[in-house]
Amino acid sequence: MPETLLISDNTARSGDAVGLTTVTRVGKKRTLVIPKKIAEKLGIREGDRVRITLLEDKIVLEPERDAVWLSLHGKKIAKISLEELESESVEEQRKYIEGVD
């Protein structure tokens, strides 16, 4: 399960465990500043993308992870050797060059 920050009534949760709680003010154009401790806990930096979901009366913020982040930090679902990776890469490049799907 990706890390999730649920902000509602004075409660912040990551999964099912109670975590950091803070109060912040909504600024101009409804800008919301994520407190430093929470941003650090979720690994959110300036320029990162976040998914915002409305669940009844709650706002859920989830970091949008790119392929590089997922490859370095995400859950591993398969193992592949460097030789297998290189072979697959060469095959995909061949298909791309030849226009084969």
N, C-alpha and C. Protein backbone atom coordinates (compact mmCIF):
# COMPACT_ATOMS: atom_id res chain seq x y z
N MET A 1 0.85 -1.18 0.00
CA MET A 1 0.00 0.00 0.00
C MET A 1 0.89 1.24 0.00
N PRO A 2 0.65 2.20 -0.91
CA PRO A 2 1.48 3.40 -0.91
C PRO A 2 1.25 4.21 0.36
N GLU A 3 2.24 4.98 0.71
CA GLU A 3 2.08 5.82 1.90
C GLU A 3 1.00 6.84 1.63
N THR A 4 0.11 7.02 2.58
CA THR A 4 -1.02 7.92 2.43
C THR A 4 -1.13 8.80 3.66
N LEU A 5 -1.42 10.05 3.44
CA LEU A 5 -1.65 10.97 4.55
C LEU A 5 -3.12 11.34 4.52
N LEU A 6 -3.84 11.01 5.55
CA LEU A 6 -5.26 11.32 5.65
C LEU A 6 -5.42 12.43 6.67
N ILE A 7 -5.95 13.55 6.21
CA ILE A 7 -6.13 14.70 7.10
C ILE A 7 -7.62 14.89 7.33
N SER A 8 -8.03 14.83 8.56
CA SER A 8 -9.44 15.00 8.88
C SER A 8 -9.59 15.35 10.35
N ASP A 9 -10.40 16.30 10.65
CA ASP A 9 -10.72 16.71 12.02
C ASP A 9 -9.48 16.75 12.90
N ASN A 10 -8.46 16.81 13.03
CA ASN A 10 -7.31 16.69 13.93
C ASN A 10 -6.68 15.30 13.91
N THR A 11 -6.94 14.46 12.93
CA THR A 11 -6.36 13.13 12.88
C THR A 11 -5.58 12.96 11.58
N ALA A 12 -4.37 12.47 11.69
CA ALA A 12 -3.58 12.15 10.50
C ALA A 12 -3.20 10.69 10.60
N ARG A 13 -3.37 9.95 9.54
CA ARG A 13 -3.09 8.52 9.56
C ARG A 13 -2.21 8.13 8.39
N SER A 14 -1.34 7.18 8.61
CA SER A 14 -0.58 6.55 7.54
C SER A 14 -0.96 5.09 7.62
N GLY A 15 -1.76 4.62 6.67
CA GLY A 15 -2.32 3.29 6.79
C GLY A 15 -3.29 3.29 7.94
N ASP A 16 -3.11 2.38 8.90
CA ASP A 16 -4.01 2.31 10.05
C ASP A 16 -3.39 2.91 11.30
N ALA A 17 -2.12 3.29 11.27
CA ALA A 17 -1.45 3.80 12.46
C ALA A 17 -1.63 5.31 12.56
N VAL A 18 -1.93 5.78 13.75
CA VAL A 18 -2.04 7.22 13.96
C VAL A 18 -0.64 7.81 13.85
N GLY A 19 -0.53 8.92 13.12
CA GLY A 19 0.78 9.52 12.88
C GLY A 19 0.82 10.97 13.31
N LEU A 20 1.42 11.79 12.50
CA LEU A 20 1.58 13.20 12.80
C LEU A 20 0.26 13.94 12.61
N THR A 21 0.01 14.88 13.50
CA THR A 21 -1.18 15.73 13.40
C THR A 21 -0.73 17.17 13.49
N THR A 22 -1.30 18.00 12.64
CA THR A 22 -0.97 19.42 12.66
C THR A 22 -2.15 20.21 12.13
N VAL A 23 -2.16 21.49 12.42
CA VAL A 23 -3.17 22.39 11.88
C VAL A 23 -2.44 23.39 11.01
N THR A 24 -2.98 23.64 9.83
CA THR A 24 -2.38 24.60 8.92
C THR A 24 -3.49 25.46 8.34
N ARG A 25 -3.13 26.59 7.80
CA ARG A 25 -4.10 27.53 7.27
C ARG A 25 -4.10 27.46 5.75
N VAL A 26 -5.26 27.59 5.16
CA VAL A 26 -5.38 27.62 3.71
C VAL A 26 -5.09 29.05 3.27
N GLY A 27 -4.18 29.20 2.28
CA GLY A 27 -3.77 30.52 1.81
C GLY A 27 -4.54 30.98 0.59
N LYS A 28 -3.99 32.01 -0.06
CA LYS A 28 -4.61 32.54 -1.27
C LYS A 28 -4.75 31.44 -2.31
N LYS A 29 -5.80 31.52 -3.09
CA LYS A 29 -6.10 30.53 -4.13
C LYS A 29 -6.14 29.12 -3.56
N ARG A 30 -6.57 29.00 -2.30
CA ARG A 30 -6.72 27.72 -1.60
C ARG A 30 -5.41 26.93 -1.51
N THR A 31 -4.29 27.64 -1.43
CA THR A 31 -2.98 27.00 -1.30
C THR A 31 -2.84 26.38 0.08
N LEU A 32 -2.40 25.14 0.12
CA LEU A 32 -2.19 24.43 1.38
C LEU A 32 -0.72 24.07 1.48
N VAL A 33 -0.07 24.51 2.54
CA VAL A 33 1.33 24.19 2.76
C VAL A 33 1.41 22.92 3.60
N ILE A 34 2.13 21.92 3.09
CA ILE A 34 2.31 20.67 3.83
C ILE A 34 3.44 20.90 4.83
N PRO A 35 3.17 20.73 6.11
CA PRO A 35 4.22 20.95 7.12
C PRO A 35 5.46 20.10 6.85
N LYS A 36 6.61 20.65 7.18
CA LYS A 36 7.91 20.02 6.89
C LYS A 36 7.99 18.59 7.41
N LYS A 37 7.59 18.35 8.66
CA LYS A 37 7.70 17.00 9.23
C LYS A 37 6.87 15.99 8.45
N ILE A 38 5.68 16.40 8.02
CA ILE A 38 4.83 15.49 7.26
C ILE A 38 5.40 15.26 5.86
N ALA A 39 5.85 16.34 5.21
CA ALA A 39 6.44 16.21 3.88
C ALA A 39 7.67 15.30 3.92
N GLU A 40 8.50 15.47 4.94
CA GLU A 40 9.69 14.62 5.07
C GLU A 40 9.30 13.16 5.30
N LYS A 41 8.30 12.94 6.14
CA LYS A 41 7.86 11.57 6.43
C LYS A 41 7.39 10.86 5.17
N LEU A 42 6.70 11.59 4.29
CA LEU A 42 6.21 11.00 3.05
C LEU A 42 7.17 11.16 1.88
N GLY A 43 8.29 11.85 2.10
CA GLY A 43 9.27 12.03 1.03
C GLY A 43 8.79 12.98 -0.05
N ILE A 44 7.96 13.96 0.32
CA ILE A 44 7.45 14.93 -0.65
C ILE A 44 8.37 16.14 -0.66
N ARG A 45 8.82 16.51 -1.88
CA ARG A 45 9.70 17.67 -2.04
C ARG A 45 9.05 18.67 -2.98
N GLU A 46 9.57 19.89 -3.00
CA GLU A 46 9.06 20.91 -3.90
C GLU A 46 9.09 20.40 -5.34
N GLY A 47 8.00 20.59 -6.04
CA GLY A 47 7.92 20.15 -7.44
C GLY A 47 7.33 18.76 -7.61
N ASP A 48 7.26 17.98 -6.52
CA ASP A 48 6.66 16.64 -6.62
C ASP A 48 5.17 16.75 -6.88
N ARG A 49 4.64 15.71 -7.51
CA ARG A 49 3.20 15.64 -7.76
C ARG A 49 2.53 14.85 -6.65
N VAL A 50 1.34 15.29 -6.26
CA VAL A 50 0.55 14.55 -5.27
C VAL A 50 -0.87 14.36 -5.82
N ARG A 51 -1.46 13.24 -5.48
CA ARG A 51 -2.86 12.97 -5.84
C ARG A 51 -3.71 13.42 -4.66
N ILE A 52 -4.75 14.20 -4.93
CA ILE A 52 -5.67 14.68 -3.91
C ILE A 52 -7.02 14.03 -4.15
N THR A 53 -7.53 13.34 -3.14
CA THR A 53 -8.81 12.65 -3.25
C THR A 53 -9.74 13.14 -2.15
N LEU A 54 -11.00 13.37 -2.50
CA LEU A 54 -12.00 13.74 -1.51
C LEU A 54 -12.79 12.49 -1.15
N LEU A 55 -12.77 12.12 0.13
CA LEU A 55 -13.55 10.99 0.64
C LEU A 55 -14.51 11.52 1.69
N GLU A 56 -15.75 11.69 1.28
CA GLU A 56 -16.79 12.28 2.14
C GLU A 56 -16.30 13.63 2.66
N ASP A 57 -15.95 13.73 3.94
CA ASP A 57 -15.51 15.02 4.50
C ASP A 57 -14.00 15.04 4.78
N LYS A 58 -13.24 14.19 4.07
CA LYS A 58 -11.80 14.08 4.31
C LYS A 58 -11.03 14.34 3.01
N ILE A 59 -9.82 14.83 3.16
CA ILE A 59 -8.91 15.02 2.03
C ILE A 59 -7.79 14.02 2.18
N VAL A 60 -7.50 13.27 1.13
CA VAL A 60 -6.41 12.31 1.13
C VAL A 60 -5.34 12.80 0.16
N LEU A 61 -4.11 12.94 0.65
CA LEU A 61 -2.97 13.33 -0.18
C LEU A 61 -2.05 12.13 -0.33
N GLU A 62 -1.73 11.76 -1.57
CA GLU A 62 -0.83 10.64 -1.82
C GLU A 62 0.26 11.08 -2.77
N PRO A 63 1.52 10.83 -2.44
CA PRO A 63 2.58 11.16 -3.37
C PRO A 63 2.43 10.36 -4.66
N GLU A 64 2.61 11.02 -5.81
CA GLU A 64 2.62 10.34 -7.11
C GLU A 64 4.08 9.98 -7.38
N ARG A 65 4.37 8.72 -7.42
CA ARG A 65 5.75 8.28 -7.61
C ARG A 65 6.02 7.99 -9.08
N ASP A 66 7.18 8.44 -9.56
CA ASP A 66 7.56 8.16 -10.94
C ASP A 66 8.27 6.81 -11.02
N ALA A 67 8.56 6.37 -12.24
CA ALA A 67 9.14 5.05 -12.45
C ALA A 67 10.50 4.90 -11.77
N VAL A 68 11.30 5.95 -11.77
CA VAL A 68 12.63 5.87 -11.14
C VAL A 68 12.48 5.66 -9.64
N TRP A 69 11.61 6.44 -8.99
CA TRP A 69 11.41 6.29 -7.55
C TRP A 69 10.91 4.88 -7.24
N LEU A 70 9.93 4.41 -8.02
CA LEU A 70 9.39 3.08 -7.79
C LEU A 70 10.45 2.00 -7.95
N SER A 71 11.33 2.16 -8.94
CA SER A 71 12.36 1.14 -9.15
C SER A 71 13.35 1.11 -8.00
N LEU A 72 13.61 2.25 -7.38
CA LEU A 72 14.56 2.31 -6.27
C LEU A 72 13.93 1.99 -4.91
N HIS A 73 12.69 2.43 -4.70
CA HIS A 73 12.09 2.33 -3.37
C HIS A 73 10.80 1.52 -3.32
N GLY A 74 10.20 1.23 -4.45
CA GLY A 74 8.91 0.56 -4.47
C GLY A 74 9.00 -0.92 -4.13
N LYS A 75 7.83 -1.51 -3.92
CA LYS A 75 7.74 -2.93 -3.60
C LYS A 75 8.20 -3.74 -4.81
N LYS A 76 9.06 -4.70 -4.56
CA LYS A 76 9.57 -5.55 -5.64
C LYS A 76 8.60 -6.71 -5.85
N ILE A 77 8.22 -6.92 -7.12
CA ILE A 77 7.27 -7.98 -7.42
C ILE A 77 7.90 -9.09 -8.27
N ALA A 78 9.13 -8.87 -8.74
CA ALA A 78 9.81 -9.89 -9.55
C ALA A 78 11.31 -9.66 -9.46
N LYS A 79 12.05 -10.70 -9.77
CA LYS A 79 13.51 -10.58 -9.83
C LYS A 79 13.94 -10.81 -11.27
N ILE A 80 14.95 -10.06 -11.70
CA ILE A 80 15.48 -10.20 -13.05
C ILE A 80 16.98 -9.96 -12.99
N SER A 81 17.72 -10.76 -13.73
CA SER A 81 19.17 -10.60 -13.75
C SER A 81 19.53 -9.51 -14.75
N LEU A 82 20.75 -9.01 -14.64
CA LEU A 82 21.22 -8.00 -15.59
C LEU A 82 21.22 -8.55 -17.02
N GLU A 83 21.55 -9.82 -17.17
CA GLU A 83 21.56 -10.43 -18.50
C GLU A 83 20.15 -10.46 -19.09
N GLU A 84 19.16 -10.82 -18.27
CA GLU A 84 17.78 -10.84 -18.73
C GLU A 84 17.30 -9.43 -19.09
N LEU A 85 17.69 -8.46 -18.27
CA LEU A 85 17.31 -7.08 -18.52
C LEU A 85 17.91 -6.59 -19.83
N GLU A 86 19.18 -6.87 -20.04
CA GLU A 86 19.86 -6.46 -21.29
C GLU A 86 19.21 -7.13 -22.50
N SER A 87 18.92 -8.41 -22.39
CA SER A 87 18.28 -9.14 -23.48
C SER A 87 16.91 -8.54 -23.83
N GLU A 88 16.14 -8.25 -22.81
CA GLU A 88 14.81 -7.64 -23.02
C GLU A 88 14.95 -6.26 -23.64
N SER A 89 15.93 -5.48 -23.18
CA SER A 89 16.16 -4.15 -23.72
C SER A 89 16.52 -4.21 -25.21
N VAL A 90 17.41 -5.12 -25.57
CA VAL A 90 17.82 -5.28 -26.97
C VAL A 90 16.62 -5.68 -27.82
N GLU A 91 15.80 -6.59 -27.33
CA GLU A 91 14.62 -7.03 -28.07
C GLU A 91 13.62 -5.89 -28.28
N GLU A 92 13.38 -5.08 -27.23
CA GLU A 92 12.46 -3.95 -27.35
C GLU A 92 13.00 -2.90 -28.30
N GLN A 93 14.31 -2.67 -28.27
CA GLN A 93 14.93 -1.72 -29.20
C GLN A 93 14.78 -2.20 -30.64
N ARG A 94 14.97 -3.52 -30.85
CA ARG A 94 14.81 -4.09 -32.19
C ARG A 94 13.39 -3.88 -32.69
N LYS A 95 12.41 -4.16 -31.83
CA LYS A 95 11.01 -3.96 -32.21
C LYS A 95 10.74 -2.50 -32.56
N TYR A 96 11.30 -1.60 -31.76
CA TYR A 96 11.09 -0.17 -31.99
C TYR A 96 11.67 0.26 -33.33
N ILE A 97 12.89 -0.18 -33.61
CA ILE A 97 13.57 0.20 -34.85
C ILE A 97 12.86 -0.38 -36.07
N GLU A 98 12.41 -1.62 -35.96
CA GLU A 98 11.74 -2.29 -37.07
C GLU A 98 10.27 -1.95 -37.15
N GLY A 99 9.73 -1.27 -36.14
CA GLY A 99 8.32 -0.92 -36.14
C GLY A 99 7.41 -2.09 -35.90
N VAL A 100 7.88 -3.10 -35.18
CA VAL A 100 7.11 -4.30 -34.88
C VAL A 100 6.51 -4.17 -33.49
N ASP A 101 5.23 -4.59 -33.34
CA ASP A 101 4.60 -4.57 -32.02
C ASP A 101 4.62 -5.90 -31.37
